[in-house]
Amino acid sequence: MSATQLANIDGVAIHWDGHKLEWVCGAAIDADGSPRAYGPNNTGLDWTANAGGSCNWYGVATNKDGEPIVQGADDPYPGMYVSTTAYTHPGISADDPRRYLDSEKVPYVVIPGKLRKQVPGVVLGCKAEVTNMRTGVCVTAIIGDVGPSNKIGEISIRLAQALGIPSGPKKGGTTQLMLSYQVFPGIVPNLCDGAKYRLIPA
């Protein structure tokens, strides 16, 4: 089956061939889920403003007053905020950093919310493959977070490292059209970290 253009997001054509989504673009680095992603006064791997701000935090877990939850002495990085991803591990409380995908350990792709609505099976937990077209390196990843419908090409720190591109959230990534993305609806990836992933419908 020949591929047809399904959408255009920020100038990037998204194609669908009946089995997989495909697009080519660069990458921004998403630190979300790393226990040291965000902290007070930009002390995290990424700028604190990228997690939101007063009364509108969207990249960190918050307490009943809407303020960021700060990691305690038994957490991986005491004093840092608990950073979240849309994909979560069941049975772990929302204020525990271990509930979320660690950007430094898990190769994941951020899917625009728009695409989740257009193709059945494009859900959190499904398989993605990203190829560095300059080196030929292909990395299997997971759909691990959801981003704005008008933005595409966000990946985790671990995925950037595996692809051989700058992985720092503050200054890393690439604007070059050098990465080929493929997403396979309804298929759970076999990653090398030993975790058991699952599909999470919208």
N, C-alpha and C. Protein backbone atom coordinates (compact mmCIF):
# COMPACT_ATOMS: atom_id res chain seq x y z
N MET A 1 0.84 -1.19 0.00
CA MET A 1 0.00 0.00 0.00
C MET A 1 0.88 1.24 0.00
N SER A 2 0.59 2.18 -0.89
CA SER A 2 1.38 3.40 -0.95
C SER A 2 1.00 4.32 0.20
N ALA A 3 1.98 5.12 0.62
CA ALA A 3 1.76 6.02 1.74
C ALA A 3 1.03 7.27 1.29
N THR A 4 0.16 7.77 2.15
CA THR A 4 -0.55 9.02 1.89
C THR A 4 -0.23 10.01 3.00
N GLN A 5 -0.27 11.29 2.66
CA GLN A 5 0.00 12.29 3.68
C GLN A 5 -1.21 12.44 4.58
N LEU A 6 -0.98 12.19 5.85
CA LEU A 6 -2.05 12.24 6.84
C LEU A 6 -2.19 13.61 7.46
N ALA A 7 -1.05 14.28 7.67
CA ALA A 7 -1.07 15.57 8.36
C ALA A 7 0.20 16.33 8.03
N ASN A 8 0.19 17.61 8.37
CA ASN A 8 1.38 18.46 8.28
C ASN A 8 1.49 19.21 9.61
N ILE A 9 2.56 18.93 10.33
CA ILE A 9 2.75 19.53 11.64
C ILE A 9 4.02 20.37 11.63
N ASP A 10 3.86 21.65 11.77
CA ASP A 10 5.00 22.58 11.79
C ASP A 10 5.89 22.40 10.56
N GLY A 11 5.25 22.20 9.40
CA GLY A 11 5.98 22.06 8.15
C GLY A 11 6.49 20.66 7.87
N VAL A 12 6.23 19.70 8.75
CA VAL A 12 6.69 18.32 8.59
C VAL A 12 5.52 17.46 8.11
N ALA A 13 5.71 16.81 6.97
CA ALA A 13 4.67 15.95 6.41
C ALA A 13 4.66 14.60 7.12
N ILE A 14 3.49 14.19 7.58
CA ILE A 14 3.31 12.90 8.25
C ILE A 14 2.61 11.95 7.28
N HIS A 15 3.24 10.81 6.99
CA HIS A 15 2.68 9.86 6.05
C HIS A 15 2.21 8.58 6.75
N TRP A 16 1.20 7.98 6.18
CA TRP A 16 0.59 6.76 6.73
C TRP A 16 0.40 5.77 5.59
N ASP A 17 0.92 4.55 5.75
CA ASP A 17 0.80 3.54 4.69
C ASP A 17 -0.14 2.41 5.07
N GLY A 18 -0.92 2.61 6.13
CA GLY A 18 -1.83 1.57 6.59
C GLY A 18 -1.25 0.68 7.66
N HIS A 19 0.07 0.79 7.86
CA HIS A 19 0.74 -0.03 8.88
C HIS A 19 1.58 0.81 9.83
N LYS A 20 2.12 1.90 9.33
CA LYS A 20 3.00 2.72 10.17
C LYS A 20 2.93 4.18 9.75
N LEU A 21 3.22 5.05 10.72
CA LEU A 21 3.39 6.47 10.46
C LEU A 21 4.85 6.75 10.17
N GLU A 22 5.13 7.71 9.28
CA GLU A 22 6.50 8.06 8.96
C GLU A 22 6.65 9.56 8.79
N TRP A 23 7.77 10.09 9.23
CA TRP A 23 8.10 11.48 8.96
C TRP A 23 9.61 11.68 9.13
N VAL A 24 10.09 12.79 8.60
CA VAL A 24 11.51 13.13 8.69
C VAL A 24 11.63 14.54 9.25
N CYS A 25 12.44 14.71 10.29
CA CYS A 25 12.67 16.04 10.87
C CYS A 25 13.90 15.99 11.75
N GLY A 26 14.13 17.04 12.50
CA GLY A 26 15.22 17.07 13.47
C GLY A 26 14.74 16.55 14.81
N ALA A 27 15.33 17.06 15.88
CA ALA A 27 14.91 16.62 17.21
C ALA A 27 15.20 17.68 18.25
N ALA A 28 14.24 17.88 19.14
CA ALA A 28 14.46 18.61 20.38
C ALA A 28 14.56 17.58 21.50
N ILE A 29 15.29 17.90 22.55
CA ILE A 29 15.52 16.94 23.62
C ILE A 29 14.56 17.18 24.78
N ASP A 30 13.83 16.14 25.13
CA ASP A 30 12.83 16.20 26.20
C ASP A 30 13.40 15.50 27.44
N ALA A 31 13.60 16.25 28.51
CA ALA A 31 14.14 15.68 29.75
C ALA A 31 13.07 15.09 30.64
N ASP A 32 11.80 15.25 30.29
CA ASP A 32 10.70 14.85 31.17
C ASP A 32 10.85 13.40 31.63
N GLY A 33 10.58 13.19 32.89
CA GLY A 33 10.66 11.86 33.48
C GLY A 33 11.98 11.59 34.18
N SER A 34 13.03 12.29 33.78
CA SER A 34 14.29 12.15 34.51
C SER A 34 14.11 12.74 35.90
N PRO A 35 14.58 12.07 36.95
CA PRO A 35 14.41 12.62 38.29
C PRO A 35 15.22 13.88 38.54
N ARG A 36 16.10 14.23 37.60
CA ARG A 36 16.82 15.49 37.74
C ARG A 36 16.53 16.44 36.57
N ALA A 37 15.37 16.27 35.96
CA ALA A 37 14.99 17.11 34.83
C ALA A 37 14.81 18.57 35.22
N TYR A 38 14.11 18.79 36.34
CA TYR A 38 13.76 20.16 36.73
C TYR A 38 14.00 20.38 38.22
N GLY A 39 14.40 21.60 38.52
CA GLY A 39 14.58 21.98 39.92
C GLY A 39 14.44 23.48 40.07
N PRO A 40 14.46 23.96 41.28
CA PRO A 40 14.36 25.41 41.50
C PRO A 40 15.50 26.16 40.81
N ASN A 41 15.18 27.31 40.26
CA ASN A 41 16.20 28.21 39.69
C ASN A 41 17.07 27.55 38.62
N ASN A 42 16.42 26.75 37.77
CA ASN A 42 17.11 26.13 36.63
C ASN A 42 18.24 25.20 37.04
N THR A 43 18.12 24.55 38.18
CA THR A 43 19.15 23.63 38.63
C THR A 43 19.06 22.26 37.98
N GLY A 44 18.01 22.01 37.22
CA GLY A 44 17.84 20.72 36.57
C GLY A 44 18.56 20.63 35.23
N LEU A 45 18.39 19.51 34.56
CA LEU A 45 18.97 19.31 33.25
C LEU A 45 18.35 20.25 32.22
N ASP A 46 17.09 20.61 32.43
CA ASP A 46 16.38 21.49 31.51
C ASP A 46 15.97 22.76 32.26
N TRP A 47 15.61 23.79 31.48
CA TRP A 47 15.15 25.03 32.06
C TRP A 47 13.83 24.78 32.80
N THR A 48 13.72 25.31 34.00
CA THR A 48 12.53 25.10 34.81
C THR A 48 11.27 25.58 34.09
N ALA A 49 11.37 26.64 33.30
CA ALA A 49 10.21 27.18 32.59
C ALA A 49 9.61 26.17 31.61
N ASN A 50 10.41 25.19 31.16
CA ASN A 50 9.88 24.18 30.25
C ASN A 50 8.96 23.18 30.94
N ALA A 51 8.88 23.28 32.26
CA ALA A 51 7.93 22.45 33.01
C ALA A 51 6.68 23.24 33.40
N GLY A 52 6.62 24.50 32.98
CA GLY A 52 5.49 25.34 33.31
C GLY A 52 5.87 26.42 34.31
N GLY A 53 4.91 26.83 35.08
CA GLY A 53 5.15 27.89 36.06
C GLY A 53 4.00 28.00 37.03
N SER A 54 4.02 29.00 37.85
CA SER A 54 3.01 29.17 38.89
C SER A 54 1.59 29.02 38.36
N CYS A 55 0.83 28.13 38.99
CA CYS A 55 -0.57 27.85 38.64
C CYS A 55 -0.73 27.11 37.32
N ASN A 56 0.36 26.78 36.64
CA ASN A 56 0.24 26.07 35.36
C ASN A 56 1.46 25.18 35.14
N TRP A 57 1.70 24.28 36.07
CA TRP A 57 2.79 23.32 35.93
C TRP A 57 2.30 22.12 35.12
N TYR A 58 3.02 21.76 34.07
CA TYR A 58 2.60 20.62 33.23
C TYR A 58 3.71 19.58 33.04
N GLY A 59 4.92 19.86 33.51
CA GLY A 59 6.00 18.90 33.35
C GLY A 59 6.46 18.29 34.66
N VAL A 60 5.79 18.65 35.75
CA VAL A 60 6.14 18.11 37.06
C VAL A 60 4.88 17.76 37.83
N ALA A 61 5.02 16.84 38.78
CA ALA A 61 3.90 16.50 39.65
C ALA A 61 3.70 17.64 40.65
N THR A 62 2.45 17.90 40.99
CA THR A 62 2.14 19.00 41.91
C THR A 62 1.34 18.51 43.11
N ASN A 63 1.40 19.27 44.19
CA ASN A 63 0.63 18.95 45.38
C ASN A 63 -0.76 19.57 45.30
N LYS A 64 -1.52 19.45 46.36
CA LYS A 64 -2.91 19.94 46.36
C LYS A 64 -3.00 21.45 46.17
N ASP A 65 -1.91 22.15 46.42
CA ASP A 65 -1.89 23.60 46.25
C ASP A 65 -1.38 24.01 44.87
N GLY A 66 -1.09 23.02 44.03
CA GLY A 66 -0.62 23.31 42.68
C GLY A 66 0.86 23.65 42.59
N GLU A 67 1.61 23.35 43.64
CA GLU A 67 3.04 23.63 43.64
C GLU A 67 3.83 22.35 43.35
N PRO A 68 5.01 22.46 42.72
CA PRO A 68 5.80 21.27 42.40
C PRO A 68 6.14 20.43 43.62
N ILE A 69 6.04 19.12 43.46
CA ILE A 69 6.45 18.21 44.52
C ILE A 69 7.97 18.09 44.49
N VAL A 70 8.59 18.29 45.63
CA VAL A 70 10.05 18.22 45.75
C VAL A 70 10.45 16.84 46.27
N GLN A 71 11.45 16.24 45.64
CA GLN A 71 11.90 14.92 46.06
C GLN A 71 12.50 14.96 47.46
N GLY A 72 12.20 13.89 48.21
CA GLY A 72 12.69 13.77 49.56
C GLY A 72 13.97 12.98 49.66
N ALA A 73 14.37 12.69 50.90
CA ALA A 73 15.66 12.04 51.16
C ALA A 73 15.76 10.64 50.56
N ASP A 74 14.64 9.95 50.40
CA ASP A 74 14.66 8.59 49.87
C ASP A 74 14.48 8.53 48.36
N ASP A 75 14.34 9.67 47.72
CA ASP A 75 14.16 9.73 46.27
C ASP A 75 15.51 9.86 45.57
N PRO A 76 15.55 9.64 44.26
CA PRO A 76 16.84 9.65 43.54
C PRO A 76 17.62 10.96 43.65
N TYR A 77 16.90 12.11 43.58
CA TYR A 77 17.59 13.41 43.62
C TYR A 77 16.86 14.35 44.57
N PRO A 78 17.13 14.24 45.86
CA PRO A 78 16.47 15.10 46.85
C PRO A 78 16.64 16.58 46.49
N GLY A 79 15.53 17.32 46.62
CA GLY A 79 15.55 18.74 46.33
C GLY A 79 15.11 19.08 44.92
N MET A 80 15.14 18.09 44.01
CA MET A 80 14.68 18.32 42.64
C MET A 80 13.18 18.03 42.56
N TYR A 81 12.53 18.58 41.53
CA TYR A 81 11.11 18.33 41.34
C TYR A 81 10.87 16.92 40.79
N VAL A 82 9.67 16.40 41.01
CA VAL A 82 9.27 15.12 40.43
C VAL A 82 8.75 15.38 39.02
N SER A 83 9.54 15.01 38.03
CA SER A 83 9.17 15.26 36.63
C SER A 83 8.32 14.11 36.10
N THR A 84 7.34 14.44 35.28
CA THR A 84 6.36 13.45 34.83
C THR A 84 6.43 13.19 33.33
N THR A 85 5.91 12.03 32.93
CA THR A 85 5.62 11.73 31.53
C THR A 85 4.19 11.24 31.45
N ALA A 86 3.62 11.30 30.26
CA ALA A 86 2.25 10.81 30.09
C ALA A 86 2.19 9.30 30.32
N TYR A 87 3.24 8.58 29.91
CA TYR A 87 3.32 7.15 30.20
C TYR A 87 3.70 6.98 31.67
N THR A 88 2.98 6.13 32.37
CA THR A 88 3.27 5.88 33.78
C THR A 88 3.29 4.39 34.06
N HIS A 89 4.08 4.02 35.05
CA HIS A 89 4.11 2.64 35.53
C HIS A 89 3.03 2.47 36.59
N PRO A 90 2.19 1.45 36.46
CA PRO A 90 1.08 1.28 37.41
C PRO A 90 1.56 0.89 38.80
N GLY A 91 0.76 1.23 39.78
CA GLY A 91 1.03 0.81 41.13
C GLY A 91 2.06 1.65 41.87
N ILE A 92 2.50 2.75 41.28
CA ILE A 92 3.46 3.64 41.92
C ILE A 92 2.79 5.00 42.09
N SER A 93 2.91 5.60 43.25
CA SER A 93 2.20 6.84 43.53
C SER A 93 2.69 7.99 42.66
N ALA A 94 1.81 8.96 42.46
CA ALA A 94 2.09 10.08 41.56
C ALA A 94 3.22 10.96 42.04
N ASP A 95 3.57 10.91 43.33
CA ASP A 95 4.65 11.75 43.84
C ASP A 95 5.99 11.03 43.86
N ASP A 96 6.04 9.83 43.26
CA ASP A 96 7.27 9.03 43.23
C ASP A 96 7.91 9.15 41.84
N PRO A 97 9.16 9.60 41.73
CA PRO A 97 9.80 9.76 40.42
C PRO A 97 9.85 8.47 39.60
N ARG A 98 9.79 7.33 40.28
CA ARG A 98 9.90 6.05 39.59
C ARG A 98 8.64 5.68 38.81
N ARG A 99 7.58 6.46 38.98
CA ARG A 99 6.33 6.21 38.27
C ARG A 99 6.45 6.52 36.78
N TYR A 100 7.40 7.37 36.42
CA TYR A 100 7.47 7.93 35.07
C TYR A 100 8.66 7.38 34.29
N LEU A 101 8.64 7.53 32.97
CA LEU A 101 9.76 7.09 32.13
C LEU A 101 10.94 8.04 32.34
N ASP A 102 12.08 7.49 32.66
CA ASP A 102 13.28 8.29 32.88
C ASP A 102 13.91 8.60 31.53
N SER A 103 13.92 9.88 31.17
CA SER A 103 14.48 10.29 29.89
C SER A 103 15.93 9.90 29.71
N GLU A 104 16.66 9.75 30.82
CA GLU A 104 18.07 9.38 30.73
C GLU A 104 18.28 7.88 30.52
N LYS A 105 17.23 7.10 30.73
CA LYS A 105 17.37 5.64 30.64
C LYS A 105 16.53 5.01 29.53
N VAL A 106 15.40 5.63 29.20
CA VAL A 106 14.46 5.02 28.25
C VAL A 106 14.46 5.79 26.93
N PRO A 107 14.70 5.10 25.81
CA PRO A 107 14.60 5.77 24.52
C PRO A 107 13.13 5.96 24.15
N TYR A 108 12.66 7.20 24.22
CA TYR A 108 11.26 7.43 23.90
C TYR A 108 11.08 8.60 22.94
N VAL A 109 9.93 8.58 22.27
CA VAL A 109 9.53 9.63 21.34
C VAL A 109 8.29 10.31 21.91
N VAL A 110 8.21 11.62 21.75
CA VAL A 110 7.02 12.37 22.16
C VAL A 110 6.10 12.46 20.94
N ILE A 111 4.86 12.04 21.11
CA ILE A 111 3.91 12.07 20.00
C ILE A 111 3.00 13.30 20.13
N PRO A 112 2.79 14.04 19.05
CA PRO A 112 1.83 15.15 19.13
C PRO A 112 0.43 14.62 19.41
N GLY A 113 -0.31 15.31 20.26
CA GLY A 113 -1.66 14.87 20.61
C GLY A 113 -2.54 14.67 19.39
N LYS A 114 -2.32 15.46 18.36
CA LYS A 114 -3.11 15.37 17.14
C LYS A 114 -3.04 13.99 16.51
N LEU A 115 -1.84 13.40 16.48
CA LEU A 115 -1.66 12.10 15.83
C LEU A 115 -2.31 10.98 16.62
N ARG A 116 -2.37 11.11 17.92
CA ARG A 116 -3.02 10.08 18.74
C ARG A 116 -4.50 9.98 18.38
N LYS A 117 -5.08 11.10 17.98
CA LYS A 117 -6.51 11.12 17.67
C LYS A 117 -6.80 10.66 16.25
N GLN A 118 -5.80 10.75 15.35
CA GLN A 118 -6.06 10.46 13.95
C GLN A 118 -5.87 9.00 13.56
N VAL A 119 -4.99 8.30 14.26
CA VAL A 119 -4.70 6.91 13.89
C VAL A 119 -4.94 6.00 15.09
N PRO A 120 -5.93 5.10 15.00
CA PRO A 120 -6.16 4.16 16.09
C PRO A 120 -4.90 3.32 16.36
N GLY A 121 -4.59 3.12 17.60
CA GLY A 121 -3.42 2.32 17.95
C GLY A 121 -2.17 3.12 18.20
N VAL A 122 -2.17 4.40 17.78
CA VAL A 122 -1.02 5.26 18.11
C VAL A 122 -1.24 5.75 19.53
N VAL A 123 -0.77 4.95 20.47
CA VAL A 123 -1.01 5.21 21.88
C VAL A 123 0.30 5.16 22.64
N LEU A 124 0.26 5.61 23.87
CA LEU A 124 1.43 5.49 24.73
C LEU A 124 1.81 4.02 24.86
N GLY A 125 3.09 3.76 24.75
CA GLY A 125 3.57 2.39 24.88
C GLY A 125 3.84 1.69 23.57
N CYS A 126 3.40 2.26 22.45
CA CYS A 126 3.62 1.54 21.20
C CYS A 126 5.01 1.79 20.63
N LYS A 127 5.38 0.98 19.68
CA LYS A 127 6.74 0.95 19.15
C LYS A 127 7.03 2.09 18.19
N ALA A 128 8.24 2.62 18.30
CA ALA A 128 8.74 3.58 17.32
C ALA A 128 10.16 3.16 16.95
N GLU A 129 10.59 3.56 15.77
CA GLU A 129 11.98 3.40 15.35
C GLU A 129 12.45 4.73 14.80
N VAL A 130 13.64 5.14 15.21
CA VAL A 130 14.20 6.40 14.72
C VAL A 130 15.57 6.09 14.12
N THR A 131 15.79 6.59 12.90
CA THR A 131 17.03 6.33 12.18
C THR A 131 17.78 7.62 11.92
N ASN A 132 19.06 7.63 12.26
CA ASN A 132 19.95 8.72 11.88
C ASN A 132 20.36 8.46 10.44
N MET A 133 19.83 9.25 9.53
CA MET A 133 20.04 8.98 8.10
C MET A 133 21.47 9.27 7.66
N ARG A 134 22.25 9.95 8.47
CA ARG A 134 23.64 10.23 8.12
C ARG A 134 24.56 9.08 8.50
N THR A 135 24.19 8.37 9.57
CA THR A 135 25.05 7.28 10.03
C THR A 135 24.44 5.90 9.79
N GLY A 136 23.15 5.85 9.57
CA GLY A 136 22.47 4.57 9.39
C GLY A 136 22.07 3.91 10.70
N VAL A 137 22.36 4.54 11.82
CA VAL A 137 22.00 3.97 13.13
C VAL A 137 20.49 4.03 13.31
N CYS A 138 19.88 2.88 13.62
CA CYS A 138 18.44 2.80 13.85
C CYS A 138 18.21 2.33 15.29
N VAL A 139 17.37 3.05 16.02
CA VAL A 139 17.13 2.75 17.43
C VAL A 139 15.64 2.49 17.65
N THR A 140 15.33 1.39 18.33
CA THR A 140 13.95 1.11 18.71
C THR A 140 13.60 1.90 19.97
N ALA A 141 12.41 2.49 19.96
CA ALA A 141 12.00 3.35 21.07
C ALA A 141 10.54 3.07 21.40
N ILE A 142 10.04 3.82 22.37
CA ILE A 142 8.66 3.71 22.82
C ILE A 142 7.99 5.08 22.70
N ILE A 143 6.70 5.10 22.42
CA ILE A 143 5.96 6.35 22.52
C ILE A 143 5.72 6.59 24.01
N GLY A 144 6.43 7.60 24.56
CA GLY A 144 6.45 7.75 26.00
C GLY A 144 5.85 9.02 26.56
N ASP A 145 5.55 9.99 25.69
CA ASP A 145 4.99 11.23 26.20
C ASP A 145 4.16 11.86 25.09
N VAL A 146 3.33 12.81 25.47
CA VAL A 146 2.45 13.50 24.52
C VAL A 146 2.79 14.99 24.56
N GLY A 147 2.93 15.57 23.37
CA GLY A 147 3.27 16.98 23.27
C GLY A 147 2.18 17.77 22.56
N PRO A 148 2.43 19.07 22.35
CA PRO A 148 1.45 19.91 21.66
C PRO A 148 1.19 19.40 20.24
N SER A 149 -0.02 19.62 19.76
CA SER A 149 -0.40 19.14 18.43
C SER A 149 0.31 19.88 17.31
N ASN A 150 0.93 21.03 17.62
CA ASN A 150 1.61 21.81 16.59
C ASN A 150 3.13 21.65 16.65
N LYS A 151 3.62 20.64 17.38
CA LYS A 151 5.05 20.45 17.53
C LYS A 151 5.40 18.99 17.34
N ILE A 152 6.49 18.70 16.60
CA ILE A 152 6.88 17.32 16.36
C ILE A 152 8.41 17.22 16.41
N GLY A 153 8.91 16.05 16.79
CA GLY A 153 10.34 15.84 16.80
C GLY A 153 10.99 15.97 18.16
N GLU A 154 10.30 15.59 19.22
CA GLU A 154 10.90 15.58 20.56
C GLU A 154 11.26 14.15 20.94
N ILE A 155 12.46 13.99 21.50
CA ILE A 155 12.92 12.66 21.90
C ILE A 155 13.61 12.74 23.26
N SER A 156 13.76 11.58 23.89
CA SER A 156 14.39 11.53 25.21
C SER A 156 15.90 11.68 25.10
N ILE A 157 16.51 11.96 26.24
CA ILE A 157 17.97 12.07 26.32
C ILE A 157 18.62 10.77 25.87
N ARG A 158 18.10 9.64 26.35
CA ARG A 158 18.69 8.34 26.02
C ARG A 158 18.60 8.06 24.53
N LEU A 159 17.51 8.41 23.90
CA LEU A 159 17.37 8.17 22.47
C LEU A 159 18.35 9.04 21.68
N ALA A 160 18.52 10.29 22.09
CA ALA A 160 19.48 11.17 21.43
C ALA A 160 20.89 10.60 21.52
N GLN A 161 21.25 10.10 22.69
CA GLN A 161 22.57 9.51 22.87
C GLN A 161 22.77 8.31 21.93
N ALA A 162 21.75 7.46 21.86
CA ALA A 162 21.85 6.27 21.02
C ALA A 162 21.95 6.62 19.54
N LEU A 163 21.35 7.75 19.16
CA LEU A 163 21.39 8.19 17.76
C LEU A 163 22.64 8.99 17.43
N GLY A 164 23.41 9.34 18.45
CA GLY A 164 24.64 10.06 18.21
C GLY A 164 24.48 11.54 17.96
N ILE A 165 23.44 12.15 18.55
CA ILE A 165 23.26 13.59 18.42
C ILE A 165 23.36 14.23 19.79
N PRO A 166 23.65 15.54 19.87
CA PRO A 166 23.78 16.19 21.18
C PRO A 166 22.55 15.98 22.04
N SER A 167 22.75 15.52 23.27
CA SER A 167 21.63 15.06 24.08
C SER A 167 21.25 15.98 25.23
N GLY A 168 21.92 17.11 25.39
CA GLY A 168 21.59 18.02 26.48
C GLY A 168 20.28 18.74 26.23
N PRO A 169 19.35 18.70 27.17
CA PRO A 169 18.05 19.36 26.96
C PRO A 169 18.15 20.87 26.75
N LYS A 170 19.14 21.52 27.36
CA LYS A 170 19.24 22.97 27.23
C LYS A 170 19.87 23.41 25.91
N LYS A 171 20.80 22.62 25.38
CA LYS A 171 21.50 23.05 24.17
C LYS A 171 21.63 21.96 23.12
N GLY A 172 21.06 20.80 23.37
CA GLY A 172 21.23 19.68 22.45
C GLY A 172 20.19 19.64 21.35
N GLY A 173 20.07 18.44 20.74
CA GLY A 173 19.15 18.26 19.63
C GLY A 173 19.75 18.71 18.32
N THR A 174 18.93 18.73 17.28
CA THR A 174 19.37 19.16 15.96
C THR A 174 18.19 19.71 15.18
N THR A 175 18.45 20.73 14.38
CA THR A 175 17.42 21.27 13.48
C THR A 175 17.56 20.68 12.09
N GLN A 176 18.59 19.88 11.88
CA GLN A 176 18.81 19.27 10.57
C GLN A 176 17.76 18.18 10.30
N LEU A 177 17.32 18.08 9.05
CA LEU A 177 16.34 17.05 8.68
C LEU A 177 17.08 15.74 8.45
N MET A 178 17.53 15.13 9.54
CA MET A 178 18.42 13.98 9.45
C MET A 178 17.89 12.74 10.17
N LEU A 179 16.71 12.85 10.77
CA LEU A 179 16.16 11.73 11.51
C LEU A 179 14.86 11.24 10.87
N SER A 180 14.78 9.95 10.62
CA SER A 180 13.57 9.33 10.08
C SER A 180 12.84 8.63 11.21
N TYR A 181 11.59 9.01 11.40
CA TYR A 181 10.75 8.44 12.47
C TYR A 181 9.72 7.49 11.87
N GLN A 182 9.52 6.37 12.52
CA GLN A 182 8.45 5.44 12.17
C GLN A 182 7.74 5.02 13.46
N VAL A 183 6.43 4.99 13.41
CA VAL A 183 5.62 4.58 14.56
C VAL A 183 4.71 3.44 14.13
N PHE A 184 4.67 2.38 14.93
CA PHE A 184 3.93 1.17 14.60
C PHE A 184 2.76 1.00 15.57
N PRO A 185 1.56 1.40 15.17
CA PRO A 185 0.40 1.34 16.07
C PRO A 185 0.13 -0.07 16.58
N GLY A 186 -0.17 -0.14 17.87
CA GLY A 186 -0.60 -1.41 18.46
C GLY A 186 0.50 -2.41 18.74
N ILE A 187 1.76 -2.05 18.49
CA ILE A 187 2.87 -2.97 18.72
C ILE A 187 3.70 -2.48 19.91
N VAL A 188 3.96 -3.37 20.85
CA VAL A 188 4.78 -3.03 22.02
C VAL A 188 6.24 -3.30 21.68
N PRO A 189 7.15 -2.34 21.92
CA PRO A 189 8.55 -2.55 21.57
C PRO A 189 9.26 -3.49 22.53
N ASN A 190 10.32 -4.10 22.03
CA ASN A 190 11.17 -4.93 22.87
C ASN A 190 12.44 -4.14 23.14
N LEU A 191 12.46 -3.40 24.26
CA LEU A 191 13.61 -2.60 24.61
C LEU A 191 14.58 -3.41 25.47
N CYS A 192 15.77 -2.87 25.64
CA CYS A 192 16.83 -3.62 26.31
C CYS A 192 16.96 -3.31 27.80
N ASP A 193 16.01 -2.56 28.36
CA ASP A 193 16.15 -2.16 29.76
C ASP A 193 15.47 -3.11 30.74
N GLY A 194 14.83 -4.15 30.20
CA GLY A 194 14.23 -5.15 31.06
C GLY A 194 12.84 -4.81 31.57
N ALA A 195 12.37 -3.59 31.34
CA ALA A 195 11.04 -3.20 31.80
C ALA A 195 9.96 -3.83 30.92
N LYS A 196 8.80 -4.06 31.49
CA LYS A 196 7.67 -4.59 30.73
C LYS A 196 6.73 -3.44 30.41
N TYR A 197 6.63 -3.12 29.13
CA TYR A 197 5.80 -1.99 28.71
C TYR A 197 4.43 -2.49 28.26
N ARG A 198 3.49 -1.57 28.18
CA ARG A 198 2.11 -1.92 27.80
C ARG A 198 1.55 -0.79 26.99
N LEU A 199 0.49 -1.07 26.26
CA LEU A 199 -0.21 -0.05 25.49
C LEU A 199 -1.19 0.66 26.40
N ILE A 200 -1.22 1.98 26.33
CA ILE A 200 -2.14 2.78 27.15
C ILE A 200 -3.03 3.58 26.22
N PRO A 201 -4.27 3.12 25.98
CA PRO A 201 -5.18 3.86 25.09
C PRO A 201 -5.46 5.25 25.63
N ALA A 202 -5.87 6.12 24.72
CA ALA A 202 -6.20 7.51 25.10
C ALA A 202 -7.37 7.51 26.07
